[in-house]
Amino acid sequence: MIDIHTHSIEKSENVKKHFNVIVKLPVGENAESDDLMAFDYLSVGIHPWFIETDRIKEQYELLESYLGLAQVKFLGEIGLDKIKGPDFKIQQEVFIKQIRLAERFKKPVIIHCVRAFNELLGIQKLIKPKVPMIIHGFNKKKEVAHTLLQKGFYLSFGKDLLSQKHVKEAFLATDLDRVFFETDDADLNVKDIYQEASALLGISINELEEKIYNNYLELFL
């Protein structure tokens, strides 16, 4: 099984977990950053909440140093947030800069997006990234899912798939070729999400596992 985005360091049997590292300064205060070598699969990025406007150049440099590591599979989570974080214009600038880095290092991108899907789509149209882009923790209605899928995004479903009717509907309206699952910061196992998804689809866990794993492999071709 693939857990495409998690903040949990606990090992899970038969699960390939992608631990998320938030680029913070100074490095000595960031235990996540200090222990990078302990994980086989990582995502690393400057989260919009943690943009340090007075030291953004240092953050970029630190991020670049991480992106050269073999275990860093994704750039993220990065993105746009209209509720929390610095000035939205700064968020957009940092987001675009990181997309450029993803292109240079050929890393798929994990995206955090809160109330900013129109702006996200506008940026995508402007810079036309070639790397795969995954919306993490997707919890919107199927109409939003449809728009994002039309533009080539992947959708990663998490804890809300277990309880929210509109998220279940969005999942069922999403082609499995564009689906991933995640635990993010929730206290659960990604197996729970796989089980719910297989029940909704009426297919076996093994069939679902194979499909999502193939999606994962496709990201790096």
N, C-alpha and C. Protein backbone atom coordinates (compact mmCIF):
# COMPACT_ATOMS: atom_id res chain seq x y z
N MET A 1 0.84 -1.20 0.00
CA MET A 1 0.00 0.00 0.00
C MET A 1 0.87 1.25 0.00
N ILE A 2 0.35 2.30 -0.59
CA ILE A 2 1.05 3.58 -0.65
C ILE A 2 0.33 4.59 0.24
N ASP A 3 1.05 5.17 1.18
CA ASP A 3 0.57 6.33 1.93
C ASP A 3 1.34 7.52 1.35
N ILE A 4 0.70 8.25 0.47
CA ILE A 4 1.40 9.25 -0.34
C ILE A 4 1.84 10.47 0.47
N HIS A 5 1.23 10.67 1.66
CA HIS A 5 1.56 11.87 2.43
C HIS A 5 1.21 11.65 3.89
N THR A 6 2.22 11.63 4.74
CA THR A 6 1.96 11.42 6.17
C THR A 6 2.94 12.23 7.01
N HIS A 7 2.52 12.54 8.23
CA HIS A 7 3.39 13.19 9.21
C HIS A 7 3.76 12.21 10.33
N SER A 8 3.34 10.96 10.18
CA SER A 8 3.61 9.95 11.20
C SER A 8 4.92 9.23 10.90
N ILE A 9 5.76 9.09 11.92
CA ILE A 9 7.03 8.39 11.73
C ILE A 9 6.92 6.90 12.07
N GLU A 10 5.75 6.46 12.51
CA GLU A 10 5.58 5.06 12.88
C GLU A 10 5.60 4.17 11.63
N LYS A 11 6.29 3.05 11.73
CA LYS A 11 6.36 2.09 10.63
C LYS A 11 5.04 1.33 10.53
N SER A 12 4.63 1.02 9.32
CA SER A 12 3.43 0.23 9.10
C SER A 12 3.78 -0.92 8.15
N GLU A 13 3.42 -2.14 8.54
CA GLU A 13 3.74 -3.31 7.73
C GLU A 13 3.06 -3.24 6.38
N ASN A 14 3.82 -3.53 5.32
CA ASN A 14 3.31 -3.56 3.94
C ASN A 14 2.78 -2.22 3.45
N VAL A 15 3.26 -1.13 4.06
CA VAL A 15 2.86 0.21 3.63
C VAL A 15 4.11 1.03 3.32
N LYS A 16 4.14 1.61 2.13
CA LYS A 16 5.22 2.52 1.75
C LYS A 16 4.76 3.93 2.12
N LYS A 17 5.33 4.44 3.22
CA LYS A 17 4.90 5.74 3.75
C LYS A 17 5.85 6.84 3.29
N HIS A 18 5.27 7.96 2.87
CA HIS A 18 6.07 9.10 2.45
C HIS A 18 5.96 10.18 3.52
N PHE A 19 6.99 10.21 4.36
CA PHE A 19 7.01 11.13 5.49
C PHE A 19 7.26 12.55 5.00
N ASN A 20 6.46 13.48 5.49
CA ASN A 20 6.58 14.87 5.05
C ASN A 20 7.51 15.67 5.95
N VAL A 21 8.48 16.32 5.34
CA VAL A 21 9.41 17.20 6.03
C VAL A 21 9.10 18.63 5.64
N ILE A 22 8.85 19.47 6.63
CA ILE A 22 8.60 20.89 6.38
C ILE A 22 9.92 21.64 6.52
N VAL A 23 10.29 22.39 5.50
CA VAL A 23 11.55 23.12 5.53
C VAL A 23 11.42 24.32 6.46
N LYS A 24 12.14 24.23 7.59
CA LYS A 24 12.12 25.30 8.59
C LYS A 24 13.54 25.73 8.89
N LEU A 25 13.67 26.92 9.41
CA LEU A 25 14.97 27.45 9.84
C LEU A 25 14.87 27.89 11.30
N PRO A 26 15.98 27.80 12.07
CA PRO A 26 17.22 27.15 11.68
C PRO A 26 17.09 25.64 11.69
N VAL A 27 17.95 24.97 10.93
CA VAL A 27 17.86 23.52 10.79
C VAL A 27 17.98 22.83 12.14
N GLY A 28 18.81 23.37 13.03
CA GLY A 28 19.02 22.75 14.34
C GLY A 28 17.77 22.64 15.19
N GLU A 29 16.75 23.44 14.87
CA GLU A 29 15.50 23.38 15.63
C GLU A 29 14.45 22.52 14.94
N ASN A 30 14.82 21.91 13.82
CA ASN A 30 13.87 21.13 13.04
C ASN A 30 14.25 19.66 13.08
N ALA A 31 13.68 18.92 14.04
CA ALA A 31 14.03 17.51 14.19
C ALA A 31 13.72 16.72 12.93
N GLU A 32 12.64 17.10 12.23
CA GLU A 32 12.29 16.41 11.00
C GLU A 32 13.44 16.49 10.00
N SER A 33 13.99 17.67 9.83
CA SER A 33 15.06 17.87 8.87
C SER A 33 16.33 17.15 9.29
N ASP A 34 16.62 17.15 10.58
CA ASP A 34 17.85 16.53 11.07
C ASP A 34 17.86 15.02 10.84
N ASP A 35 16.69 14.40 10.81
CA ASP A 35 16.62 12.95 10.74
C ASP A 35 16.24 12.43 9.35
N LEU A 36 16.54 13.19 8.32
CA LEU A 36 16.16 12.80 6.97
C LEU A 36 16.63 11.40 6.59
N MET A 37 17.84 11.05 6.97
CA MET A 37 18.42 9.80 6.53
C MET A 37 17.73 8.59 7.14
N ALA A 38 16.86 8.80 8.12
CA ALA A 38 16.18 7.68 8.76
C ALA A 38 14.99 7.17 7.94
N PHE A 39 14.63 7.89 6.89
CA PHE A 39 13.45 7.53 6.11
C PHE A 39 13.82 7.21 4.67
N ASP A 40 13.13 6.21 4.10
CA ASP A 40 13.41 5.80 2.73
C ASP A 40 12.61 6.59 1.70
N TYR A 41 11.47 7.13 2.11
CA TYR A 41 10.58 7.84 1.19
C TYR A 41 10.12 9.14 1.84
N LEU A 42 10.46 10.24 1.20
CA LEU A 42 10.19 11.55 1.78
C LEU A 42 9.54 12.49 0.79
N SER A 43 8.79 13.44 1.33
CA SER A 43 8.40 14.65 0.59
C SER A 43 8.94 15.83 1.38
N VAL A 44 9.49 16.81 0.67
CA VAL A 44 10.11 17.97 1.32
C VAL A 44 9.66 19.23 0.61
N GLY A 45 9.24 20.23 1.38
CA GLY A 45 8.81 21.48 0.76
C GLY A 45 8.65 22.61 1.78
N ILE A 46 8.51 23.81 1.25
CA ILE A 46 8.23 24.99 2.08
C ILE A 46 6.72 25.17 2.12
N HIS A 47 6.12 24.72 3.20
CA HIS A 47 4.67 24.83 3.40
C HIS A 47 4.30 26.32 3.50
N PRO A 48 3.16 26.71 2.92
CA PRO A 48 2.81 28.15 2.98
C PRO A 48 2.72 28.71 4.39
N TRP A 49 2.36 27.89 5.37
CA TRP A 49 2.28 28.39 6.74
C TRP A 49 3.64 28.77 7.31
N PHE A 50 4.70 28.15 6.76
CA PHE A 50 6.03 28.29 7.35
C PHE A 50 7.00 29.07 6.46
N ILE A 51 6.46 29.85 5.54
CA ILE A 51 7.32 30.74 4.75
C ILE A 51 7.90 31.81 5.68
N GLU A 52 9.21 31.93 5.70
CA GLU A 52 9.88 32.95 6.51
C GLU A 52 10.33 34.07 5.57
N THR A 53 9.54 35.10 5.50
CA THR A 53 9.75 36.12 4.48
C THR A 53 11.11 36.81 4.59
N ASP A 54 11.67 36.87 5.78
CA ASP A 54 12.96 37.53 5.95
C ASP A 54 14.14 36.61 5.67
N ARG A 55 13.84 35.32 5.50
CA ARG A 55 14.93 34.36 5.24
C ARG A 55 14.54 33.35 4.16
N ILE A 56 13.74 33.79 3.22
CA ILE A 56 13.24 32.86 2.21
C ILE A 56 14.37 32.34 1.32
N LYS A 57 15.40 33.14 1.09
CA LYS A 57 16.52 32.68 0.28
C LYS A 57 17.20 31.49 0.93
N GLU A 58 17.34 31.53 2.25
CA GLU A 58 17.94 30.41 2.99
C GLU A 58 17.04 29.17 2.90
N GLN A 59 15.73 29.40 2.97
CA GLN A 59 14.81 28.27 2.84
C GLN A 59 14.93 27.61 1.47
N TYR A 60 15.00 28.42 0.42
CA TYR A 60 15.18 27.87 -0.93
C TYR A 60 16.46 27.04 -1.01
N GLU A 61 17.54 27.57 -0.45
CA GLU A 61 18.82 26.87 -0.51
C GLU A 61 18.76 25.54 0.23
N LEU A 62 18.11 25.54 1.39
CA LEU A 62 17.96 24.31 2.16
C LEU A 62 17.12 23.30 1.38
N LEU A 63 16.03 23.78 0.79
CA LEU A 63 15.17 22.91 0.00
C LEU A 63 15.94 22.28 -1.15
N GLU A 64 16.71 23.09 -1.86
CA GLU A 64 17.50 22.57 -2.98
C GLU A 64 18.46 21.48 -2.52
N SER A 65 19.06 21.66 -1.35
CA SER A 65 20.00 20.65 -0.86
C SER A 65 19.29 19.33 -0.57
N TYR A 66 18.03 19.39 -0.12
CA TYR A 66 17.26 18.19 0.14
C TYR A 66 16.83 17.49 -1.15
N LEU A 67 16.49 18.27 -2.16
CA LEU A 67 15.94 17.70 -3.38
C LEU A 67 16.94 16.82 -4.12
N GLY A 68 18.20 16.97 -3.82
CA GLY A 68 19.20 16.12 -4.45
C GLY A 68 19.34 14.76 -3.81
N LEU A 69 18.66 14.53 -2.68
CA LEU A 69 18.76 13.25 -1.97
C LEU A 69 17.86 12.20 -2.63
N ALA A 70 18.38 10.99 -2.72
CA ALA A 70 17.66 9.92 -3.42
C ALA A 70 16.32 9.58 -2.76
N GLN A 71 16.25 9.68 -1.43
CA GLN A 71 15.01 9.30 -0.75
C GLN A 71 13.91 10.36 -0.83
N VAL A 72 14.25 11.54 -1.32
CA VAL A 72 13.22 12.58 -1.50
C VAL A 72 12.51 12.34 -2.82
N LYS A 73 11.31 11.81 -2.72
CA LYS A 73 10.55 11.42 -3.91
C LYS A 73 9.63 12.53 -4.42
N PHE A 74 9.20 13.42 -3.51
CA PHE A 74 8.25 14.47 -3.87
C PHE A 74 8.71 15.82 -3.35
N LEU A 75 8.29 16.87 -4.01
CA LEU A 75 8.42 18.22 -3.48
C LEU A 75 7.06 18.60 -2.92
N GLY A 76 7.03 18.87 -1.61
CA GLY A 76 5.78 19.21 -1.00
C GLY A 76 5.77 18.92 0.50
N GLU A 77 4.80 19.28 1.29
CA GLU A 77 3.67 19.91 0.62
C GLU A 77 3.93 21.40 0.46
N ILE A 78 3.50 21.92 -0.67
CA ILE A 78 3.61 23.35 -0.95
C ILE A 78 2.25 23.82 -1.43
N GLY A 79 2.06 25.13 -1.48
CA GLY A 79 0.76 25.54 -1.99
C GLY A 79 0.30 26.91 -1.59
N LEU A 80 -1.02 27.03 -1.51
CA LEU A 80 -1.70 28.31 -1.33
C LEU A 80 -2.77 28.16 -0.26
N ASP A 81 -2.85 29.15 0.64
CA ASP A 81 -3.81 29.07 1.75
C ASP A 81 -4.32 30.47 2.05
N LYS A 82 -5.61 30.69 1.83
CA LYS A 82 -6.20 32.01 2.07
C LYS A 82 -6.64 32.22 3.51
N ILE A 83 -6.49 31.20 4.34
CA ILE A 83 -6.88 31.31 5.74
C ILE A 83 -5.68 31.55 6.65
N LYS A 84 -4.58 30.89 6.34
CA LYS A 84 -3.42 30.95 7.21
C LYS A 84 -2.14 31.10 6.39
N GLY A 85 -1.21 31.89 6.92
CA GLY A 85 0.06 32.08 6.23
C GLY A 85 0.33 33.54 5.95
N PRO A 86 1.47 33.85 5.32
CA PRO A 86 1.81 35.24 5.01
C PRO A 86 0.95 35.80 3.88
N ASP A 87 1.24 37.02 3.48
CA ASP A 87 0.51 37.67 2.40
C ASP A 87 0.36 36.73 1.21
N PHE A 88 -0.84 36.72 0.62
CA PHE A 88 -1.14 35.73 -0.41
C PHE A 88 -0.25 35.91 -1.64
N LYS A 89 0.14 37.13 -1.95
CA LYS A 89 1.04 37.36 -3.08
C LYS A 89 2.38 36.69 -2.84
N ILE A 90 2.87 36.75 -1.61
CA ILE A 90 4.13 36.08 -1.27
C ILE A 90 3.97 34.57 -1.40
N GLN A 91 2.84 34.04 -0.94
CA GLN A 91 2.59 32.61 -1.08
C GLN A 91 2.65 32.18 -2.54
N GLN A 92 2.05 32.98 -3.41
CA GLN A 92 2.06 32.65 -4.84
C GLN A 92 3.48 32.65 -5.41
N GLU A 93 4.27 33.64 -5.01
CA GLU A 93 5.65 33.72 -5.50
C GLU A 93 6.46 32.51 -5.05
N VAL A 94 6.30 32.13 -3.77
CA VAL A 94 7.05 30.99 -3.24
C VAL A 94 6.58 29.69 -3.89
N PHE A 95 5.30 29.59 -4.12
CA PHE A 95 4.75 28.41 -4.76
C PHE A 95 5.32 28.25 -6.18
N ILE A 96 5.30 29.31 -6.95
CA ILE A 96 5.82 29.25 -8.32
C ILE A 96 7.30 28.91 -8.32
N LYS A 97 8.05 29.50 -7.42
CA LYS A 97 9.48 29.21 -7.33
C LYS A 97 9.71 27.73 -7.07
N GLN A 98 8.90 27.14 -6.20
CA GLN A 98 9.07 25.73 -5.87
C GLN A 98 8.64 24.82 -7.03
N ILE A 99 7.63 25.23 -7.76
CA ILE A 99 7.25 24.46 -8.95
C ILE A 99 8.40 24.45 -9.94
N ARG A 100 9.09 25.58 -10.08
CA ARG A 100 10.27 25.63 -10.96
C ARG A 100 11.34 24.65 -10.47
N LEU A 101 11.53 24.56 -9.16
CA LEU A 101 12.50 23.61 -8.62
C LEU A 101 12.05 22.17 -8.89
N ALA A 102 10.76 21.90 -8.75
CA ALA A 102 10.25 20.56 -9.04
C ALA A 102 10.53 20.18 -10.49
N GLU A 103 10.37 21.12 -11.39
CA GLU A 103 10.67 20.88 -12.79
C GLU A 103 12.15 20.56 -12.98
N ARG A 104 13.00 21.32 -12.31
CA ARG A 104 14.45 21.12 -12.47
C ARG A 104 14.89 19.77 -11.92
N PHE A 105 14.33 19.39 -10.76
CA PHE A 105 14.73 18.13 -10.14
C PHE A 105 13.85 16.95 -10.55
N LYS A 106 12.83 17.24 -11.37
CA LYS A 106 11.91 16.21 -11.86
C LYS A 106 11.23 15.45 -10.71
N LYS A 107 10.66 16.22 -9.79
CA LYS A 107 9.96 15.65 -8.65
C LYS A 107 8.46 15.93 -8.76
N PRO A 108 7.60 14.93 -8.60
CA PRO A 108 6.16 15.20 -8.47
C PRO A 108 5.90 16.11 -7.28
N VAL A 109 4.77 16.82 -7.32
CA VAL A 109 4.48 17.85 -6.33
C VAL A 109 3.25 17.49 -5.51
N ILE A 110 3.35 17.64 -4.19
CA ILE A 110 2.23 17.48 -3.27
C ILE A 110 1.71 18.88 -2.93
N ILE A 111 0.43 19.12 -3.18
CA ILE A 111 -0.12 20.48 -3.08
C ILE A 111 -1.13 20.62 -1.94
N HIS A 112 -0.90 21.65 -1.14
CA HIS A 112 -1.83 22.11 -0.10
C HIS A 112 -2.60 23.29 -0.70
N CYS A 113 -3.93 23.18 -0.73
CA CYS A 113 -4.72 24.27 -1.32
C CYS A 113 -5.97 24.52 -0.49
N VAL A 114 -6.06 25.72 0.06
CA VAL A 114 -7.22 26.09 0.87
C VAL A 114 -7.85 27.36 0.30
N ARG A 115 -9.06 27.20 -0.23
CA ARG A 115 -9.85 28.30 -0.79
C ARG A 115 -9.09 29.07 -1.88
N ALA A 116 -8.28 28.33 -2.65
CA ALA A 116 -7.47 29.01 -3.66
C ALA A 116 -7.35 28.18 -4.94
N PHE A 117 -8.38 27.41 -5.25
CA PHE A 117 -8.30 26.56 -6.44
C PHE A 117 -8.29 27.37 -7.73
N ASN A 118 -9.00 28.49 -7.76
CA ASN A 118 -8.96 29.32 -8.97
C ASN A 118 -7.55 29.85 -9.22
N GLU A 119 -6.90 30.29 -8.16
CA GLU A 119 -5.53 30.80 -8.29
C GLU A 119 -4.57 29.67 -8.67
N LEU A 120 -4.78 28.49 -8.10
CA LEU A 120 -3.95 27.34 -8.44
C LEU A 120 -4.05 27.03 -9.92
N LEU A 121 -5.28 27.01 -10.42
CA LEU A 121 -5.48 26.72 -11.84
C LEU A 121 -4.88 27.82 -12.73
N GLY A 122 -4.95 29.05 -12.23
CA GLY A 122 -4.36 30.16 -12.98
C GLY A 122 -2.85 30.02 -13.09
N ILE A 123 -2.22 29.62 -11.99
CA ILE A 123 -0.76 29.42 -11.99
C ILE A 123 -0.39 28.25 -12.90
N GLN A 124 -1.17 27.19 -12.83
CA GLN A 124 -0.89 26.05 -13.70
C GLN A 124 -0.97 26.46 -15.18
N LYS A 125 -1.97 27.24 -15.52
CA LYS A 125 -2.12 27.70 -16.90
C LYS A 125 -0.96 28.59 -17.33
N LEU A 126 -0.47 29.39 -16.38
CA LEU A 126 0.61 30.33 -16.68
C LEU A 126 1.94 29.62 -16.91
N ILE A 127 2.31 28.69 -16.00
CA ILE A 127 3.66 28.13 -16.07
C ILE A 127 3.71 26.74 -16.71
N LYS A 128 2.54 26.11 -16.88
CA LYS A 128 2.44 24.83 -17.60
C LYS A 128 3.45 23.79 -17.11
N PRO A 129 3.41 23.43 -15.83
CA PRO A 129 4.36 22.43 -15.31
C PRO A 129 4.16 21.06 -15.94
N LYS A 130 5.27 20.37 -16.15
CA LYS A 130 5.21 19.02 -16.73
C LYS A 130 5.24 17.94 -15.65
N VAL A 131 5.67 18.28 -14.44
CA VAL A 131 5.71 17.28 -13.37
C VAL A 131 4.30 16.98 -12.88
N PRO A 132 4.05 15.74 -12.42
CA PRO A 132 2.73 15.42 -11.86
C PRO A 132 2.44 16.27 -10.63
N MET A 133 1.17 16.64 -10.46
CA MET A 133 0.76 17.48 -9.34
C MET A 133 -0.41 16.81 -8.62
N ILE A 134 -0.25 16.62 -7.31
CA ILE A 134 -1.22 15.87 -6.50
C ILE A 134 -1.83 16.79 -5.45
N ILE A 135 -3.15 16.90 -5.45
CA ILE A 135 -3.86 17.66 -4.41
C ILE A 135 -4.00 16.76 -3.19
N HIS A 136 -3.34 17.12 -2.11
CA HIS A 136 -3.40 16.23 -0.94
C HIS A 136 -4.60 16.57 -0.06
N GLY A 137 -5.12 15.54 0.61
CA GLY A 137 -6.25 15.73 1.51
C GLY A 137 -7.48 16.27 0.82
N PHE A 138 -7.78 15.78 -0.38
CA PHE A 138 -8.92 16.33 -1.13
C PHE A 138 -10.21 16.09 -0.37
N ASN A 139 -10.97 17.19 -0.13
CA ASN A 139 -12.21 17.06 0.64
C ASN A 139 -13.33 17.94 0.09
N LYS A 140 -13.25 18.22 -1.21
CA LYS A 140 -14.26 19.07 -1.84
C LYS A 140 -15.30 18.22 -2.58
N LYS A 141 -16.27 18.88 -3.20
CA LYS A 141 -17.33 18.19 -3.92
C LYS A 141 -16.84 17.69 -5.27
N LYS A 142 -17.66 16.83 -5.87
CA LYS A 142 -17.24 16.20 -7.12
C LYS A 142 -17.09 17.19 -8.27
N GLU A 143 -17.78 18.35 -8.19
CA GLU A 143 -17.62 19.35 -9.24
C GLU A 143 -16.21 19.93 -9.25
N VAL A 144 -15.66 20.16 -8.06
CA VAL A 144 -14.28 20.65 -7.95
C VAL A 144 -13.32 19.56 -8.42
N ALA A 145 -13.60 18.33 -8.02
CA ALA A 145 -12.76 17.21 -8.46
C ALA A 145 -12.74 17.13 -9.98
N HIS A 146 -13.89 17.26 -10.60
CA HIS A 146 -13.99 17.17 -12.06
C HIS A 146 -13.12 18.23 -12.73
N THR A 147 -13.18 19.46 -12.23
CA THR A 147 -12.39 20.54 -12.81
C THR A 147 -10.89 20.25 -12.68
N LEU A 148 -10.46 19.80 -11.52
CA LEU A 148 -9.05 19.51 -11.30
C LEU A 148 -8.58 18.34 -12.16
N LEU A 149 -9.40 17.33 -12.26
CA LEU A 149 -9.04 16.16 -13.06
C LEU A 149 -8.91 16.52 -14.54
N GLN A 150 -9.79 17.39 -15.00
CA GLN A 150 -9.72 17.85 -16.38
C GLN A 150 -8.39 18.54 -16.67
N LYS A 151 -7.83 19.17 -15.67
CA LYS A 151 -6.57 19.90 -15.83
C LYS A 151 -5.35 19.02 -15.54
N GLY A 152 -5.58 17.73 -15.28
CA GLY A 152 -4.47 16.80 -15.15
C GLY A 152 -3.97 16.54 -13.74
N PHE A 153 -4.64 17.08 -12.72
CA PHE A 153 -4.21 16.85 -11.34
C PHE A 153 -4.57 15.43 -10.89
N TYR A 154 -3.80 14.92 -9.94
CA TYR A 154 -4.17 13.74 -9.18
C TYR A 154 -4.85 14.20 -7.89
N LEU A 155 -5.70 13.33 -7.32
CA LEU A 155 -6.36 13.64 -6.05
C LEU A 155 -5.99 12.59 -5.02
N SER A 156 -5.56 13.05 -3.85
CA SER A 156 -5.23 12.14 -2.75
C SER A 156 -6.29 12.26 -1.67
N PHE A 157 -6.91 11.14 -1.34
CA PHE A 157 -8.00 11.12 -0.37
C PHE A 157 -7.50 10.60 0.98
N GLY A 158 -7.97 11.26 2.04
CA GLY A 158 -7.55 10.90 3.38
C GLY A 158 -8.71 10.59 4.30
N LYS A 159 -8.63 11.05 5.53
CA LYS A 159 -9.58 10.69 6.58
C LYS A 159 -11.02 11.06 6.23
N ASP A 160 -11.21 12.13 5.46
CA ASP A 160 -12.58 12.56 5.15
C ASP A 160 -13.33 11.55 4.28
N LEU A 161 -12.59 10.68 3.60
CA LEU A 161 -13.26 9.64 2.82
C LEU A 161 -14.03 8.67 3.73
N LEU A 162 -13.62 8.59 4.97
CA LEU A 162 -14.26 7.67 5.91
C LEU A 162 -15.60 8.17 6.43
N SER A 163 -15.83 9.49 6.36
CA SER A 163 -17.01 10.04 7.05
C SER A 163 -17.83 11.05 6.26
N GLN A 164 -17.27 11.66 5.24
CA GLN A 164 -17.96 12.75 4.55
C GLN A 164 -18.62 12.27 3.25
N LYS A 165 -19.93 12.41 3.18
CA LYS A 165 -20.68 11.91 2.02
C LYS A 165 -20.21 12.57 0.73
N HIS A 166 -20.00 13.89 0.76
CA HIS A 166 -19.62 14.56 -0.49
C HIS A 166 -18.22 14.14 -0.96
N VAL A 167 -17.36 13.74 -0.02
CA VAL A 167 -16.02 13.27 -0.40
C VAL A 167 -16.12 11.87 -1.02
N LYS A 168 -16.98 11.04 -0.45
CA LYS A 168 -17.23 9.72 -1.04
C LYS A 168 -17.74 9.88 -2.48
N GLU A 169 -18.65 10.83 -2.68
CA GLU A 169 -19.20 11.06 -4.02
C GLU A 169 -18.11 11.55 -4.98
N ALA A 170 -17.25 12.43 -4.48
CA ALA A 170 -16.15 12.93 -5.31
C ALA A 170 -15.20 11.78 -5.67
N PHE A 171 -14.92 10.92 -4.70
CA PHE A 171 -14.05 9.78 -4.96
C PHE A 171 -14.63 8.86 -6.03
N LEU A 172 -15.91 8.57 -5.91
CA LEU A 172 -16.56 7.67 -6.86
C LEU A 172 -16.63 8.28 -8.26
N ALA A 173 -16.55 9.61 -8.35
CA ALA A 173 -16.58 10.29 -9.64
C ALA A 173 -15.18 10.48 -10.23
N THR A 174 -14.16 10.00 -9.51
CA THR A 174 -12.77 10.18 -9.92
C THR A 174 -12.23 8.90 -10.55
N ASP A 175 -11.64 9.01 -11.73
CA ASP A 175 -11.01 7.87 -12.38
C ASP A 175 -9.89 7.34 -11.49
N LEU A 176 -9.86 6.03 -11.26
CA LEU A 176 -8.85 5.45 -10.38
C LEU A 176 -7.43 5.71 -10.86
N ASP A 177 -7.26 6.02 -12.12
CA ASP A 177 -5.93 6.35 -12.64
C ASP A 177 -5.37 7.63 -12.00
N ARG A 178 -6.24 8.40 -11.35
CA ARG A 178 -5.83 9.69 -10.79
C ARG A 178 -5.95 9.74 -9.28
N VAL A 179 -5.96 8.60 -8.62
CA VAL A 179 -6.24 8.53 -7.18
C VAL A 179 -5.01 8.09 -6.38
N PHE A 180 -4.85 8.71 -5.20
CA PHE A 180 -3.93 8.23 -4.17
C PHE A 180 -4.64 8.32 -2.83
N PHE A 181 -4.02 7.69 -1.81
CA PHE A 181 -4.55 7.74 -0.45
C PHE A 181 -3.46 8.20 0.51
N GLU A 182 -3.88 8.78 1.63
CA GLU A 182 -2.93 9.35 2.59
C GLU A 182 -3.53 9.38 3.98
N THR A 183 -2.64 9.50 4.98
CA THR A 183 -3.10 9.68 6.35
C THR A 183 -2.86 11.09 6.86
N ASP A 184 -1.97 11.84 6.21
CA ASP A 184 -1.63 13.21 6.62
C ASP A 184 -1.26 13.20 8.11
N ASP A 185 -1.96 14.01 8.93
CA ASP A 185 -1.64 14.04 10.36
C ASP A 185 -2.69 13.31 11.19
N ALA A 186 -3.55 12.52 10.55
CA ALA A 186 -4.61 11.80 11.26
C ALA A 186 -4.05 10.56 11.97
N ASP A 187 -4.66 10.21 13.08
CA ASP A 187 -4.25 9.04 13.85
C ASP A 187 -4.99 7.81 13.32
N LEU A 188 -4.57 7.36 12.16
CA LEU A 188 -5.15 6.17 11.56
C LEU A 188 -4.15 5.52 10.64
N ASN A 189 -4.48 4.33 10.15
CA ASN A 189 -3.62 3.60 9.23
C ASN A 189 -4.20 3.74 7.83
N VAL A 190 -3.34 3.88 6.84
CA VAL A 190 -3.83 4.04 5.47
C VAL A 190 -4.64 2.82 5.03
N LYS A 191 -4.44 1.69 5.70
CA LYS A 191 -5.23 0.49 5.39
C LYS A 191 -6.73 0.75 5.59
N ASP A 192 -7.06 1.59 6.58
CA ASP A 192 -8.47 1.93 6.83
C ASP A 192 -9.07 2.64 5.62
N ILE A 193 -8.28 3.50 5.00
CA ILE A 193 -8.77 4.26 3.84
C ILE A 193 -8.89 3.34 2.63
N TYR A 194 -7.91 2.45 2.46
CA TYR A 194 -8.00 1.46 1.38
C TYR A 194 -9.26 0.60 1.54
N GLN A 195 -9.54 0.19 2.76
CA GLN A 195 -10.70 -0.67 2.99
C GLN A 195 -12.00 0.06 2.65
N GLU A 196 -12.09 1.33 3.05
CA GLU A 196 -13.29 2.11 2.73
C GLU A 196 -13.42 2.29 1.22
N ALA A 197 -12.31 2.59 0.56
CA ALA A 197 -12.34 2.80 -0.89
C ALA A 197 -12.73 1.52 -1.63
N SER A 198 -12.19 0.39 -1.20
CA SER A 198 -12.53 -0.87 -1.87
C SER A 198 -14.00 -1.21 -1.69
N ALA A 199 -14.54 -0.90 -0.50
CA ALA A 199 -15.97 -1.15 -0.26
C ALA A 199 -16.83 -0.24 -1.13
N LEU A 200 -16.45 1.02 -1.25
CA LEU A 200 -17.21 1.95 -2.08
C LEU A 200 -17.21 1.52 -3.55
N LEU A 201 -16.07 1.02 -4.00
CA LEU A 201 -15.93 0.63 -5.41
C LEU A 201 -16.43 -0.78 -5.69
N GLY A 202 -16.56 -1.59 -4.64
CA GLY A 202 -16.96 -2.97 -4.83
C GLY A 202 -15.88 -3.82 -5.47
N ILE A 203 -14.61 -3.54 -5.14
CA ILE A 203 -13.50 -4.33 -5.65
C ILE A 203 -12.66 -4.81 -4.47
N SER A 204 -11.80 -5.77 -4.73
CA SER A 204 -10.99 -6.32 -3.64
C SER A 204 -9.88 -5.36 -3.25
N ILE A 205 -9.39 -5.52 -2.02
CA ILE A 205 -8.26 -4.73 -1.54
C ILE A 205 -7.05 -4.95 -2.45
N ASN A 206 -6.81 -6.21 -2.83
CA ASN A 206 -5.65 -6.52 -3.66
C ASN A 206 -5.72 -5.82 -5.01
N GLU A 207 -6.90 -5.79 -5.59
CA GLU A 207 -7.07 -5.11 -6.88
C GLU A 207 -6.82 -3.61 -6.74
N LEU A 208 -7.32 -3.04 -5.66
CA LEU A 208 -7.13 -1.62 -5.40
C LEU A 208 -5.65 -1.31 -5.15
N GLU A 209 -5.01 -2.14 -4.34
CA GLU A 209 -3.58 -1.95 -4.06
C GLU A 209 -2.78 -1.92 -5.36
N GLU A 210 -3.05 -2.87 -6.23
CA GLU A 210 -2.30 -2.96 -7.49
C GLU A 210 -2.52 -1.71 -8.34
N LYS A 211 -3.74 -1.24 -8.38
CA LYS A 211 -4.05 -0.07 -9.19
C LYS A 211 -3.34 1.18 -8.67
N ILE A 212 -3.39 1.41 -7.36
CA ILE A 212 -2.77 2.60 -6.79
C ILE A 212 -1.24 2.51 -6.90
N TYR A 213 -0.71 1.31 -6.75
CA TYR A 213 0.73 1.15 -6.88
C TYR A 213 1.18 1.46 -8.32
N ASN A 214 0.39 1.04 -9.29
CA ASN A 214 0.70 1.38 -10.69
C ASN A 214 0.64 2.88 -10.91
N ASN A 215 -0.33 3.56 -10.28
CA ASN A 215 -0.38 5.03 -10.37
C ASN A 215 0.91 5.63 -9.84
N TYR A 216 1.38 5.07 -8.73
CA TYR A 216 2.61 5.55 -8.11
C TYR A 216 3.80 5.40 -9.06
N LEU A 217 3.92 4.25 -9.66
CA LEU A 217 5.02 4.02 -10.60
C LEU A 217 4.97 4.99 -11.78
N GLU A 218 3.76 5.28 -12.24
CA GLU A 218 3.57 6.19 -13.39
C GLU A 218 4.10 7.59 -13.08
N LEU A 219 4.11 7.99 -11.82
CA LEU A 219 4.58 9.34 -11.48
C LEU A 219 6.04 9.56 -11.86
N PHE A 220 6.80 8.49 -11.89
CA PHE A 220 8.25 8.61 -12.06
C PHE A 220 8.74 8.17 -13.43
N LEU A 221 7.81 7.91 -14.34
CA LEU A 221 8.20 7.54 -15.71
C LEU A 221 8.49 8.78 -16.56
